[in-house]
Amino acid sequence: MAFWEGWCGGKGDGCCDDCSWTQLAIWAAAIVVVGGLITVLVLAFGVVFPPKATADDAVLQRFALAPADPASNSTISFNVTATVSLRNPNMYRAIEYGALAVTFSFNGTRFDDSASVPGFKHKARKTATLSVRVGGVGKPIKLTRPGVGEFRAENDTGSFGVEMRLDTVLQYKGRSAKCPLVVVCPLQLQLVDPDVAATAFQRTKCTILRAKKSGC
């Protein structure tokens, strides 16, 4: 006896085709629903996703270099304000961050590491906004000679490429692993006069670097 004969009860009244296809459709729909539910549960509880980050706003009000010979003895004066958004894409797992150390670099050379953001708890599917402001006068910057040349070239246009980096350690809810995390945001900043309205900043996607270890 074929499997569909049992469903039809062996009747020859024309019900077989209609009933069998109806039951097949019901089973198929049930399998799709169960499969979808399993997928959602796996994504929610079995898989963790790193945060996503964007640089939403940044203002450069001062960026002046005092070159020296050798170039590594140069000093810089600056005033930078930046706002970064962190989004937790996980459906269930909150994220707890340790303190975030913030550094700024020009041409691959760090010129400020004085800022930090306190650690915080980041709820699932939520976005957190972090604001940082740094400034200094005559701070050492160990540029190379080509780095000094690049500064002069960018100074002629009034537009500077600055990198903002945030280093922290995070832990996902329900997991014991402490996971190092780095957020790197390339900022293209137009030097503006503090007394004049700031130039519009183009929102920029940041790069997320995370440790390749179990639980991270």
N, C-alpha and C. Protein backbone atom coordinates (compact mmCIF):
# COMPACT_ATOMS: atom_id res chain seq x y z
N MET A 1 0.86 -1.20 0.00
CA MET A 1 0.00 0.00 0.00
C MET A 1 0.89 1.24 0.00
N ALA A 2 0.64 2.18 -0.89
CA ALA A 2 1.40 3.43 -0.92
C ALA A 2 0.98 4.29 0.25
N PHE A 3 1.89 5.22 0.65
CA PHE A 3 1.63 6.00 1.85
C PHE A 3 0.37 6.84 1.76
N TRP A 4 0.04 7.30 0.53
CA TRP A 4 -1.14 8.15 0.44
C TRP A 4 -2.46 7.39 0.56
N GLU A 5 -2.38 6.06 0.35
CA GLU A 5 -3.59 5.27 0.45
C GLU A 5 -4.11 5.23 1.88
N GLY A 6 -3.16 5.23 2.83
CA GLY A 6 -3.58 5.25 4.23
C GLY A 6 -4.28 6.55 4.58
N TRP A 7 -3.80 7.65 4.01
CA TRP A 7 -4.43 8.94 4.29
C TRP A 7 -5.85 9.00 3.72
N CYS A 8 -6.03 8.39 2.56
CA CYS A 8 -7.34 8.46 1.91
C CYS A 8 -8.30 7.41 2.44
N GLY A 9 -7.79 6.47 3.20
CA GLY A 9 -8.65 5.43 3.74
C GLY A 9 -9.10 4.44 2.69
N GLY A 10 -8.37 4.41 1.55
CA GLY A 10 -8.70 3.45 0.50
C GLY A 10 -9.99 3.77 -0.21
N LYS A 11 -10.50 4.97 -0.05
CA LYS A 11 -11.77 5.33 -0.69
C LYS A 11 -11.54 5.68 -2.15
N GLY A 12 -12.49 5.40 -2.92
CA GLY A 12 -12.42 5.74 -4.34
C GLY A 12 -13.38 6.84 -4.69
N ASP A 13 -13.62 7.75 -3.78
CA ASP A 13 -14.64 8.79 -3.98
C ASP A 13 -14.05 10.10 -4.48
N GLY A 14 -12.76 10.09 -4.92
CA GLY A 14 -12.15 11.32 -5.44
C GLY A 14 -11.52 12.17 -4.38
N CYS A 15 -11.57 11.72 -3.13
CA CYS A 15 -11.00 12.51 -2.04
C CYS A 15 -9.48 12.43 -2.01
N CYS A 16 -8.94 11.37 -2.58
CA CYS A 16 -7.52 11.06 -2.39
C CYS A 16 -6.62 12.21 -2.76
N ASP A 17 -6.78 12.73 -4.00
CA ASP A 17 -5.87 13.78 -4.45
C ASP A 17 -5.99 15.04 -3.60
N ASP A 18 -7.24 15.47 -3.36
CA ASP A 18 -7.45 16.71 -2.59
C ASP A 18 -6.94 16.56 -1.16
N CYS A 19 -7.29 15.42 -0.52
CA CYS A 19 -6.91 15.25 0.88
C CYS A 19 -5.41 15.12 1.05
N SER A 20 -4.78 14.35 0.15
CA SER A 20 -3.34 14.13 0.29
C SER A 20 -2.57 15.43 0.10
N TRP A 21 -2.94 16.23 -0.88
CA TRP A 21 -2.23 17.50 -1.10
C TRP A 21 -2.48 18.48 0.03
N THR A 22 -3.66 18.46 0.58
CA THR A 22 -3.95 19.33 1.73
C THR A 22 -3.07 18.97 2.92
N GLN A 23 -2.98 17.66 3.18
CA GLN A 23 -2.16 17.22 4.30
C GLN A 23 -0.68 17.50 4.06
N LEU A 24 -0.24 17.32 2.82
CA LEU A 24 1.16 17.64 2.48
C LEU A 24 1.45 19.12 2.73
N ALA A 25 0.50 19.96 2.34
CA ALA A 25 0.69 21.40 2.53
C ALA A 25 0.76 21.75 4.02
N ILE A 26 -0.09 21.09 4.81
CA ILE A 26 -0.09 21.34 6.25
C ILE A 26 1.25 20.93 6.87
N TRP A 27 1.72 19.73 6.48
CA TRP A 27 3.02 19.27 7.01
C TRP A 27 4.17 20.18 6.56
N ALA A 28 4.11 20.61 5.31
CA ALA A 28 5.17 21.50 4.81
C ALA A 28 5.19 22.81 5.58
N ALA A 29 3.98 23.36 5.82
CA ALA A 29 3.90 24.61 6.57
C ALA A 29 4.42 24.43 7.99
N ALA A 30 4.07 23.29 8.59
CA ALA A 30 4.54 23.02 9.96
C ALA A 30 6.06 22.91 10.02
N ILE A 31 6.64 22.25 9.01
CA ILE A 31 8.11 22.11 8.96
C ILE A 31 8.77 23.47 8.81
N VAL A 32 8.20 24.33 7.95
CA VAL A 32 8.76 25.68 7.76
C VAL A 32 8.70 26.47 9.06
N VAL A 33 7.56 26.40 9.75
CA VAL A 33 7.40 27.14 11.01
C VAL A 33 8.39 26.65 12.06
N VAL A 34 8.50 25.31 12.21
CA VAL A 34 9.42 24.75 13.19
C VAL A 34 10.86 25.09 12.83
N GLY A 35 11.20 24.98 11.54
CA GLY A 35 12.55 25.32 11.10
C GLY A 35 12.89 26.78 11.37
N GLY A 36 11.91 27.66 11.10
CA GLY A 36 12.13 29.08 11.38
C GLY A 36 12.33 29.35 12.85
N LEU A 37 11.53 28.66 13.68
CA LEU A 37 11.64 28.84 15.13
C LEU A 37 13.01 28.37 15.63
N ILE A 38 13.47 27.23 15.12
CA ILE A 38 14.79 26.73 15.51
C ILE A 38 15.88 27.71 15.10
N THR A 39 15.75 28.26 13.89
CA THR A 39 16.75 29.23 13.41
C THR A 39 16.79 30.45 14.31
N VAL A 40 15.61 30.96 14.68
CA VAL A 40 15.54 32.13 15.56
C VAL A 40 16.18 31.83 16.92
N LEU A 41 15.90 30.64 17.46
CA LEU A 41 16.45 30.27 18.76
C LEU A 41 17.97 30.13 18.71
N VAL A 42 18.48 29.56 17.61
CA VAL A 42 19.93 29.42 17.45
C VAL A 42 20.59 30.78 17.38
N LEU A 43 20.00 31.68 16.58
CA LEU A 43 20.57 33.03 16.45
C LEU A 43 20.49 33.79 17.76
N ALA A 44 19.41 33.60 18.49
CA ALA A 44 19.22 34.36 19.73
C ALA A 44 20.09 33.86 20.87
N PHE A 45 20.25 32.53 20.98
CA PHE A 45 20.93 31.97 22.15
C PHE A 45 22.26 31.28 21.83
N GLY A 46 22.41 30.79 20.63
CA GLY A 46 23.61 30.00 20.33
C GLY A 46 24.71 30.75 19.62
N VAL A 47 24.41 31.91 19.03
CA VAL A 47 25.39 32.67 18.26
C VAL A 47 25.52 34.08 18.84
N VAL A 48 26.74 34.58 18.93
CA VAL A 48 26.93 35.96 19.37
C VAL A 48 27.51 36.78 18.22
N PHE A 49 27.07 38.01 18.12
CA PHE A 49 27.54 38.91 17.08
C PHE A 49 28.26 40.09 17.72
N PRO A 50 29.37 40.54 17.13
CA PRO A 50 30.06 41.70 17.67
C PRO A 50 29.25 42.97 17.45
N PRO A 51 29.50 44.00 18.23
CA PRO A 51 28.77 45.26 18.00
C PRO A 51 29.14 45.87 16.65
N LYS A 52 28.28 46.73 16.18
CA LYS A 52 28.54 47.51 14.97
C LYS A 52 28.78 48.96 15.39
N ALA A 53 29.61 49.68 14.66
CA ALA A 53 29.96 51.04 15.08
C ALA A 53 30.01 51.99 13.89
N THR A 54 29.60 53.22 14.14
CA THR A 54 29.72 54.29 13.15
C THR A 54 30.18 55.56 13.84
N ALA A 55 30.96 56.35 13.12
CA ALA A 55 31.30 57.69 13.59
C ALA A 55 30.22 58.62 13.05
N ASP A 56 29.41 59.16 13.95
CA ASP A 56 28.25 59.95 13.53
C ASP A 56 28.56 61.43 13.35
N ASP A 57 29.54 61.91 14.10
CA ASP A 57 29.86 63.34 14.01
C ASP A 57 31.28 63.56 14.52
N ALA A 58 31.95 64.54 13.95
CA ALA A 58 33.30 64.90 14.41
C ALA A 58 33.62 66.31 13.96
N VAL A 59 34.29 67.04 14.84
CA VAL A 59 34.66 68.43 14.56
C VAL A 59 36.12 68.64 14.91
N LEU A 60 36.84 69.26 14.00
CA LEU A 60 38.24 69.61 14.20
C LEU A 60 38.35 71.13 14.23
N GLN A 61 38.62 71.69 15.41
CA GLN A 61 38.66 73.15 15.54
C GLN A 61 40.09 73.69 15.57
N ARG A 62 41.04 72.81 15.79
CA ARG A 62 42.43 73.24 15.76
C ARG A 62 43.31 72.05 15.41
N PHE A 63 44.28 72.26 14.51
CA PHE A 63 45.22 71.21 14.15
C PHE A 63 46.44 71.89 13.57
N ALA A 64 47.38 72.18 14.44
CA ALA A 64 48.56 72.95 14.04
C ALA A 64 49.83 72.20 14.42
N LEU A 65 50.72 72.04 13.46
CA LEU A 65 51.97 71.32 13.68
C LEU A 65 53.14 72.27 13.76
N ALA A 66 54.01 72.04 14.74
CA ALA A 66 55.28 72.76 14.82
C ALA A 66 56.37 71.76 14.45
N PRO A 67 56.76 71.70 13.16
CA PRO A 67 57.74 70.71 12.73
C PRO A 67 59.11 70.98 13.32
N ALA A 68 59.87 69.91 13.49
CA ALA A 68 61.21 70.03 14.06
C ALA A 68 62.17 69.17 13.24
N ASP A 69 63.44 69.32 13.54
CA ASP A 69 64.47 68.50 12.90
C ASP A 69 65.30 67.84 14.00
N PRO A 70 65.17 66.52 14.20
CA PRO A 70 64.43 65.58 13.36
C PRO A 70 62.92 65.70 13.53
N ALA A 71 62.19 65.12 12.55
CA ALA A 71 60.73 65.21 12.53
C ALA A 71 60.09 64.60 13.77
N SER A 72 60.75 63.61 14.37
CA SER A 72 60.18 62.93 15.54
C SER A 72 60.10 63.84 16.76
N ASN A 73 60.73 65.02 16.70
CA ASN A 73 60.67 65.98 17.81
C ASN A 73 59.60 67.04 17.59
N SER A 74 58.74 66.85 16.59
CA SER A 74 57.69 67.83 16.29
C SER A 74 56.65 67.85 17.42
N THR A 75 55.90 68.95 17.48
CA THR A 75 54.79 69.06 18.44
C THR A 75 53.53 69.48 17.69
N ILE A 76 52.39 69.19 18.31
CA ILE A 76 51.11 69.47 17.67
C ILE A 76 50.14 70.07 18.68
N SER A 77 49.30 70.98 18.21
CA SER A 77 48.23 71.56 19.01
C SER A 77 46.91 71.24 18.31
N PHE A 78 45.90 70.82 19.08
CA PHE A 78 44.69 70.31 18.44
C PHE A 78 43.49 70.43 19.36
N ASN A 79 42.32 70.33 18.75
CA ASN A 79 41.05 70.26 19.47
C ASN A 79 40.08 69.45 18.62
N VAL A 80 39.75 68.25 19.09
CA VAL A 80 38.91 67.32 18.34
C VAL A 80 37.72 66.88 19.20
N THR A 81 36.54 66.88 18.60
CA THR A 81 35.34 66.34 19.24
C THR A 81 34.75 65.28 18.32
N ALA A 82 34.40 64.11 18.87
CA ALA A 82 33.85 63.04 18.03
C ALA A 82 32.73 62.31 18.76
N THR A 83 31.77 61.83 17.98
CA THR A 83 30.65 61.05 18.52
C THR A 83 30.56 59.74 17.76
N VAL A 84 30.54 58.64 18.51
CA VAL A 84 30.50 57.30 17.92
C VAL A 84 29.28 56.56 18.46
N SER A 85 28.60 55.83 17.57
CA SER A 85 27.48 54.99 17.97
C SER A 85 27.88 53.53 17.95
N LEU A 86 27.57 52.81 19.02
CA LEU A 86 27.76 51.37 19.09
C LEU A 86 26.38 50.71 19.13
N ARG A 87 26.17 49.74 18.25
CA ARG A 87 24.88 49.03 18.22
C ARG A 87 25.10 47.57 18.57
N ASN A 88 24.29 47.07 19.48
CA ASN A 88 24.32 45.66 19.84
C ASN A 88 23.31 44.91 18.96
N PRO A 89 23.76 44.12 17.98
CA PRO A 89 22.82 43.47 17.05
C PRO A 89 22.22 42.17 17.58
N ASN A 90 22.66 41.72 18.75
CA ASN A 90 22.18 40.45 19.28
C ASN A 90 20.72 40.53 19.71
N MET A 91 19.98 39.45 19.45
CA MET A 91 18.55 39.42 19.76
C MET A 91 18.28 39.23 21.24
N TYR A 92 19.19 38.55 21.93
CA TYR A 92 18.97 38.23 23.34
C TYR A 92 20.09 38.69 24.25
N ARG A 93 21.33 38.57 23.80
CA ARG A 93 22.47 38.78 24.68
C ARG A 93 22.85 40.25 24.83
N ALA A 94 22.83 40.72 26.06
CA ALA A 94 23.37 42.03 26.37
C ALA A 94 24.90 41.94 26.35
N ILE A 95 25.55 43.08 26.26
CA ILE A 95 27.01 43.15 26.27
C ILE A 95 27.44 44.06 27.41
N GLU A 96 28.44 43.63 28.15
CA GLU A 96 29.01 44.48 29.19
C GLU A 96 30.43 44.87 28.77
N TYR A 97 30.66 46.19 28.66
CA TYR A 97 31.95 46.70 28.25
C TYR A 97 32.77 47.14 29.46
N GLY A 98 34.07 46.88 29.39
CA GLY A 98 34.98 47.52 30.33
C GLY A 98 35.24 48.94 29.85
N ALA A 99 36.07 49.67 30.57
CA ALA A 99 36.41 51.04 30.16
C ALA A 99 37.00 51.03 28.75
N LEU A 100 36.64 52.03 27.95
CA LEU A 100 37.13 52.14 26.58
C LEU A 100 38.24 53.19 26.53
N ALA A 101 39.45 52.77 26.17
CA ALA A 101 40.58 53.69 26.00
C ALA A 101 40.52 54.26 24.58
N VAL A 102 40.65 55.58 24.46
CA VAL A 102 40.49 56.26 23.17
C VAL A 102 41.83 56.88 22.75
N THR A 103 42.22 56.64 21.51
CA THR A 103 43.44 57.25 20.98
C THR A 103 43.15 57.87 19.61
N PHE A 104 43.90 58.92 19.31
CA PHE A 104 43.81 59.58 18.02
C PHE A 104 45.18 59.56 17.36
N SER A 105 45.17 59.32 16.03
CA SER A 105 46.43 59.23 15.28
C SER A 105 46.32 60.02 13.99
N PHE A 106 47.49 60.52 13.54
CA PHE A 106 47.59 61.16 12.22
C PHE A 106 48.73 60.50 11.47
N ASN A 107 48.46 60.07 10.24
CA ASN A 107 49.49 59.44 9.40
C ASN A 107 50.15 58.26 10.11
N GLY A 108 49.33 57.50 10.85
CA GLY A 108 49.83 56.33 11.55
C GLY A 108 50.58 56.63 12.83
N THR A 109 50.60 57.88 13.26
CA THR A 109 51.33 58.28 14.46
C THR A 109 50.36 58.81 15.51
N ARG A 110 50.39 58.23 16.68
CA ARG A 110 49.49 58.64 17.75
C ARG A 110 49.87 60.03 18.26
N PHE A 111 48.84 60.86 18.46
CA PHE A 111 49.12 62.18 19.03
C PHE A 111 48.31 62.46 20.30
N ASP A 112 47.34 61.58 20.62
CA ASP A 112 46.60 61.75 21.88
C ASP A 112 46.06 60.41 22.36
N ASP A 113 46.28 60.12 23.64
CA ASP A 113 45.72 58.92 24.26
C ASP A 113 45.18 59.23 25.65
N SER A 114 44.74 60.48 25.83
CA SER A 114 44.32 60.93 27.16
C SER A 114 42.86 60.63 27.48
N ALA A 115 42.06 60.31 26.47
CA ALA A 115 40.62 60.16 26.70
C ALA A 115 40.23 58.71 27.00
N SER A 116 39.13 58.56 27.72
CA SER A 116 38.57 57.24 27.97
C SER A 116 37.07 57.39 28.21
N VAL A 117 36.35 56.30 28.01
CA VAL A 117 34.90 56.26 28.24
C VAL A 117 34.63 55.18 29.28
N PRO A 118 33.87 55.48 30.33
CA PRO A 118 33.59 54.46 31.35
C PRO A 118 32.88 53.24 30.76
N GLY A 119 33.11 52.08 31.36
CA GLY A 119 32.42 50.88 30.94
C GLY A 119 30.92 50.98 31.17
N PHE A 120 30.14 50.18 30.45
CA PHE A 120 28.69 50.24 30.59
C PHE A 120 28.07 48.94 30.10
N LYS A 121 26.78 48.74 30.45
CA LYS A 121 26.03 47.59 29.99
C LYS A 121 25.19 48.00 28.79
N HIS A 122 25.23 47.18 27.77
CA HIS A 122 24.61 47.48 26.49
C HIS A 122 23.50 46.46 26.22
N LYS A 123 22.25 46.87 26.31
CA LYS A 123 21.13 45.95 26.13
C LYS A 123 21.05 45.45 24.69
N ALA A 124 20.46 44.27 24.52
CA ALA A 124 20.30 43.68 23.20
C ALA A 124 19.46 44.58 22.31
N ARG A 125 19.87 44.68 21.03
CA ARG A 125 19.15 45.45 20.01
C ARG A 125 19.10 46.94 20.29
N LYS A 126 20.00 47.44 21.12
CA LYS A 126 20.01 48.86 21.46
C LYS A 126 21.28 49.53 20.92
N THR A 127 21.21 50.86 20.79
CA THR A 127 22.34 51.65 20.32
C THR A 127 22.80 52.59 21.43
N ALA A 128 24.11 52.62 21.67
CA ALA A 128 24.70 53.51 22.67
C ALA A 128 25.53 54.58 21.96
N THR A 129 25.46 55.79 22.44
CA THR A 129 26.21 56.91 21.85
C THR A 129 27.33 57.34 22.79
N LEU A 130 28.55 57.41 22.25
CA LEU A 130 29.73 57.79 23.02
C LEU A 130 30.30 59.09 22.46
N SER A 131 30.55 60.05 23.33
CA SER A 131 31.11 61.33 22.90
C SER A 131 32.49 61.53 23.54
N VAL A 132 33.42 61.99 22.73
CA VAL A 132 34.80 62.18 23.19
C VAL A 132 35.29 63.55 22.73
N ARG A 133 36.00 64.23 23.64
CA ARG A 133 36.61 65.50 23.27
C ARG A 133 38.03 65.54 23.81
N VAL A 134 38.98 65.85 22.94
CA VAL A 134 40.38 65.92 23.34
C VAL A 134 40.99 67.21 22.81
N GLY A 135 42.02 67.67 23.50
CA GLY A 135 42.71 68.87 23.07
C GLY A 135 44.08 68.95 23.72
N GLY A 136 44.95 69.72 23.14
CA GLY A 136 46.27 69.88 23.71
C GLY A 136 47.05 70.95 22.96
N VAL A 137 48.06 71.46 23.64
CA VAL A 137 48.93 72.50 23.04
C VAL A 137 50.37 72.04 23.16
N GLY A 138 51.05 72.00 22.02
CA GLY A 138 52.46 71.66 22.01
C GLY A 138 52.76 70.24 22.50
N LYS A 139 51.88 69.29 22.15
CA LYS A 139 52.11 67.91 22.57
C LYS A 139 53.04 67.21 21.58
N PRO A 140 53.96 66.38 22.08
CA PRO A 140 54.89 65.68 21.18
C PRO A 140 54.17 64.75 20.22
N ILE A 141 54.66 64.68 18.99
CA ILE A 141 54.16 63.73 18.01
C ILE A 141 55.36 63.22 17.22
N LYS A 142 55.58 61.93 17.26
CA LYS A 142 56.78 61.35 16.65
C LYS A 142 56.55 61.05 15.16
N LEU A 143 56.39 62.11 14.38
CA LEU A 143 56.19 61.95 12.94
C LEU A 143 57.50 61.59 12.24
N THR A 144 57.37 60.98 11.08
CA THR A 144 58.50 60.81 10.18
C THR A 144 58.58 62.04 9.27
N ARG A 145 59.66 62.16 8.53
CA ARG A 145 59.76 63.28 7.59
C ARG A 145 58.63 63.25 6.56
N PRO A 146 58.32 62.06 5.97
CA PRO A 146 57.16 62.03 5.06
C PRO A 146 55.86 62.40 5.77
N GLY A 147 55.76 62.09 7.07
CA GLY A 147 54.57 62.44 7.82
C GLY A 147 54.40 63.95 7.93
N VAL A 148 55.52 64.65 8.11
CA VAL A 148 55.47 66.11 8.15
C VAL A 148 55.03 66.65 6.79
N GLY A 149 55.55 66.03 5.73
CA GLY A 149 55.16 66.45 4.38
C GLY A 149 53.67 66.23 4.13
N GLU A 150 53.14 65.10 4.64
CA GLU A 150 51.71 64.82 4.47
C GLU A 150 50.88 65.84 5.24
N PHE A 151 51.33 66.22 6.43
CA PHE A 151 50.60 67.23 7.20
C PHE A 151 50.53 68.54 6.41
N ARG A 152 51.64 68.95 5.84
CA ARG A 152 51.66 70.20 5.07
C ARG A 152 50.71 70.13 3.88
N ALA A 153 50.70 68.98 3.20
CA ALA A 153 49.82 68.82 2.04
C ALA A 153 48.35 68.90 2.46
N GLU A 154 48.00 68.24 3.56
CA GLU A 154 46.61 68.27 4.01
C GLU A 154 46.25 69.63 4.60
N ASN A 155 47.23 70.31 5.19
CA ASN A 155 46.98 71.63 5.74
C ASN A 155 46.62 72.62 4.64
N ASP A 156 47.17 72.42 3.45
CA ASP A 156 46.85 73.30 2.32
C ASP A 156 45.39 73.19 1.91
N THR A 157 44.79 72.02 2.13
CA THR A 157 43.38 71.83 1.77
C THR A 157 42.45 72.08 2.96
N GLY A 158 43.02 72.06 4.16
CA GLY A 158 42.20 72.23 5.36
C GLY A 158 41.43 70.99 5.74
N SER A 159 41.73 69.86 5.08
CA SER A 159 41.05 68.60 5.36
C SER A 159 42.07 67.56 5.81
N PHE A 160 41.85 66.98 7.00
CA PHE A 160 42.83 66.07 7.59
C PHE A 160 42.24 64.69 7.81
N GLY A 161 43.04 63.67 7.51
CA GLY A 161 42.66 62.31 7.80
C GLY A 161 43.16 61.92 9.19
N VAL A 162 42.23 61.69 10.11
CA VAL A 162 42.56 61.36 11.50
C VAL A 162 41.91 60.02 11.85
N GLU A 163 42.62 59.19 12.55
CA GLU A 163 42.05 57.90 12.97
C GLU A 163 41.73 57.93 14.46
N MET A 164 40.51 57.51 14.78
CA MET A 164 40.08 57.37 16.18
C MET A 164 39.97 55.88 16.49
N ARG A 165 40.57 55.46 17.60
CA ARG A 165 40.56 54.04 17.98
C ARG A 165 40.09 53.89 19.42
N LEU A 166 39.21 52.91 19.64
CA LEU A 166 38.73 52.59 20.98
C LEU A 166 39.09 51.14 21.30
N ASP A 167 39.77 50.95 22.43
CA ASP A 167 40.17 49.62 22.88
C ASP A 167 39.42 49.27 24.16
N THR A 168 38.85 48.07 24.21
CA THR A 168 38.11 47.66 25.40
C THR A 168 38.09 46.13 25.51
N VAL A 169 37.44 45.66 26.56
CA VAL A 169 37.17 44.24 26.75
C VAL A 169 35.68 44.10 27.01
N LEU A 170 35.03 43.16 26.33
CA LEU A 170 33.60 42.98 26.51
C LEU A 170 33.28 41.56 26.94
N GLN A 171 32.08 41.41 27.49
CA GLN A 171 31.60 40.09 27.90
C GLN A 171 30.13 39.99 27.52
N TYR A 172 29.76 38.90 26.83
CA TYR A 172 28.37 38.68 26.45
C TYR A 172 27.60 38.05 27.62
N LYS A 173 26.36 38.46 27.77
CA LYS A 173 25.51 37.91 28.83
C LYS A 173 25.43 36.38 28.70
N GLY A 174 25.65 35.70 29.81
CA GLY A 174 25.57 34.24 29.82
C GLY A 174 26.84 33.54 29.41
N ARG A 175 27.90 34.31 29.11
CA ARG A 175 29.18 33.72 28.72
C ARG A 175 30.29 34.24 29.64
N SER A 176 31.27 33.40 29.90
CA SER A 176 32.32 33.76 30.84
C SER A 176 33.53 34.41 30.18
N ALA A 177 33.65 34.27 28.86
CA ALA A 177 34.85 34.77 28.17
C ALA A 177 34.94 36.29 28.20
N LYS A 178 36.13 36.80 28.47
CA LYS A 178 36.43 38.22 28.37
C LYS A 178 37.07 38.46 27.00
N CYS A 179 36.43 39.26 26.19
CA CYS A 179 36.81 39.37 24.79
C CYS A 179 37.39 40.75 24.45
N PRO A 180 38.68 40.81 24.07
CA PRO A 180 39.25 42.08 23.62
C PRO A 180 38.53 42.56 22.36
N LEU A 181 38.32 43.87 22.28
CA LEU A 181 37.63 44.45 21.13
C LEU A 181 38.29 45.78 20.78
N VAL A 182 38.45 46.03 19.48
CA VAL A 182 39.01 47.29 18.99
C VAL A 182 38.06 47.87 17.96
N VAL A 183 37.77 49.15 18.09
CA VAL A 183 36.94 49.88 17.13
C VAL A 183 37.82 50.94 16.47
N VAL A 184 37.92 50.89 15.16
CA VAL A 184 38.77 51.83 14.41
C VAL A 184 37.89 52.66 13.49
N CYS A 185 37.92 53.99 13.70
CA CYS A 185 37.08 54.90 12.92
C CYS A 185 37.95 55.88 12.13
N PRO A 186 37.98 55.78 10.81
CA PRO A 186 38.70 56.77 10.01
C PRO A 186 37.85 58.04 9.88
N LEU A 187 38.43 59.17 10.25
CA LEU A 187 37.69 60.43 10.23
C LEU A 187 38.33 61.38 9.22
N GLN A 188 37.55 61.86 8.30
CA GLN A 188 38.03 62.89 7.38
C GLN A 188 37.47 64.22 7.87
N LEU A 189 38.35 65.05 8.43
CA LEU A 189 37.89 66.23 9.16
C LEU A 189 38.30 67.51 8.46
N GLN A 190 37.34 68.40 8.35
CA GLN A 190 37.59 69.72 7.79
C GLN A 190 37.86 70.69 8.93
N LEU A 191 38.99 71.35 8.90
CA LEU A 191 39.32 72.31 9.95
C LEU A 191 38.35 73.48 9.90
N VAL A 192 37.74 73.77 11.05
CA VAL A 192 36.73 74.82 11.09
C VAL A 192 37.09 75.87 12.13
N ASP A 193 36.60 77.06 11.92
CA ASP A 193 36.76 78.15 12.87
C ASP A 193 35.77 77.95 14.01
N PRO A 194 36.20 77.98 15.27
CA PRO A 194 35.28 77.78 16.40
C PRO A 194 34.12 78.76 16.42
N ASP A 195 34.30 79.94 15.82
CA ASP A 195 33.25 80.95 15.82
C ASP A 195 32.30 80.84 14.62
N VAL A 196 32.55 79.83 13.76
CA VAL A 196 31.73 79.65 12.56
C VAL A 196 31.06 78.29 12.64
N ALA A 197 29.88 78.18 12.06
CA ALA A 197 29.16 76.90 12.06
C ALA A 197 30.03 75.80 11.48
N ALA A 198 30.03 74.64 12.12
CA ALA A 198 30.87 73.52 11.70
C ALA A 198 30.44 72.96 10.34
N THR A 199 31.43 72.48 9.59
CA THR A 199 31.14 71.82 8.33
C THR A 199 30.45 70.49 8.59
N ALA A 200 29.47 70.14 7.76
CA ALA A 200 28.75 68.88 7.95
C ALA A 200 29.72 67.70 7.84
N PHE A 201 29.59 66.76 8.76
CA PHE A 201 30.44 65.58 8.79
C PHE A 201 29.71 64.42 8.14
N GLN A 202 30.39 63.67 7.29
CA GLN A 202 29.78 62.52 6.63
C GLN A 202 29.91 61.29 7.52
N ARG A 203 28.78 60.74 7.88
CA ARG A 203 28.77 59.56 8.76
C ARG A 203 29.65 58.46 8.16
N THR A 204 30.46 57.84 9.04
CA THR A 204 31.47 56.89 8.57
C THR A 204 31.36 55.57 9.32
N LYS A 205 31.44 54.47 8.59
CA LYS A 205 31.42 53.14 9.22
C LYS A 205 32.78 52.85 9.84
N CYS A 206 32.77 52.32 11.05
CA CYS A 206 34.01 51.96 11.74
C CYS A 206 34.28 50.46 11.57
N THR A 207 35.55 50.10 11.69
CA THR A 207 35.96 48.69 11.58
C THR A 207 36.01 48.07 12.97
N ILE A 208 35.46 46.88 13.10
CA ILE A 208 35.47 46.15 14.37
C ILE A 208 36.51 45.03 14.30
N LEU A 209 37.44 45.02 15.24
CA LEU A 209 38.44 43.96 15.34
C LEU A 209 38.20 43.22 16.65
N ARG A 210 38.02 41.90 16.59
CA ARG A 210 37.75 41.14 17.80
C ARG A 210 38.65 39.93 17.87
N ALA A 211 38.83 39.42 19.09
CA ALA A 211 39.70 38.29 19.32
C ALA A 211 39.09 37.01 18.76
N LYS A 212 39.94 36.18 18.15
CA LYS A 212 39.49 34.90 17.63
C LYS A 212 39.69 33.84 18.72
N LYS A 213 38.76 33.82 19.66
CA LYS A 213 38.83 32.86 20.75
C LYS A 213 37.43 32.39 21.09
N SER A 214 37.34 31.25 21.73
CA SER A 214 36.06 30.65 22.08
C SER A 214 35.24 31.59 22.96
N GLY A 215 33.98 31.75 22.62
CA GLY A 215 33.10 32.60 23.40
C GLY A 215 33.08 34.04 22.96
N CYS A 216 33.89 34.39 21.96
CA CYS A 216 33.97 35.77 21.49
C CYS A 216 33.45 35.92 20.05
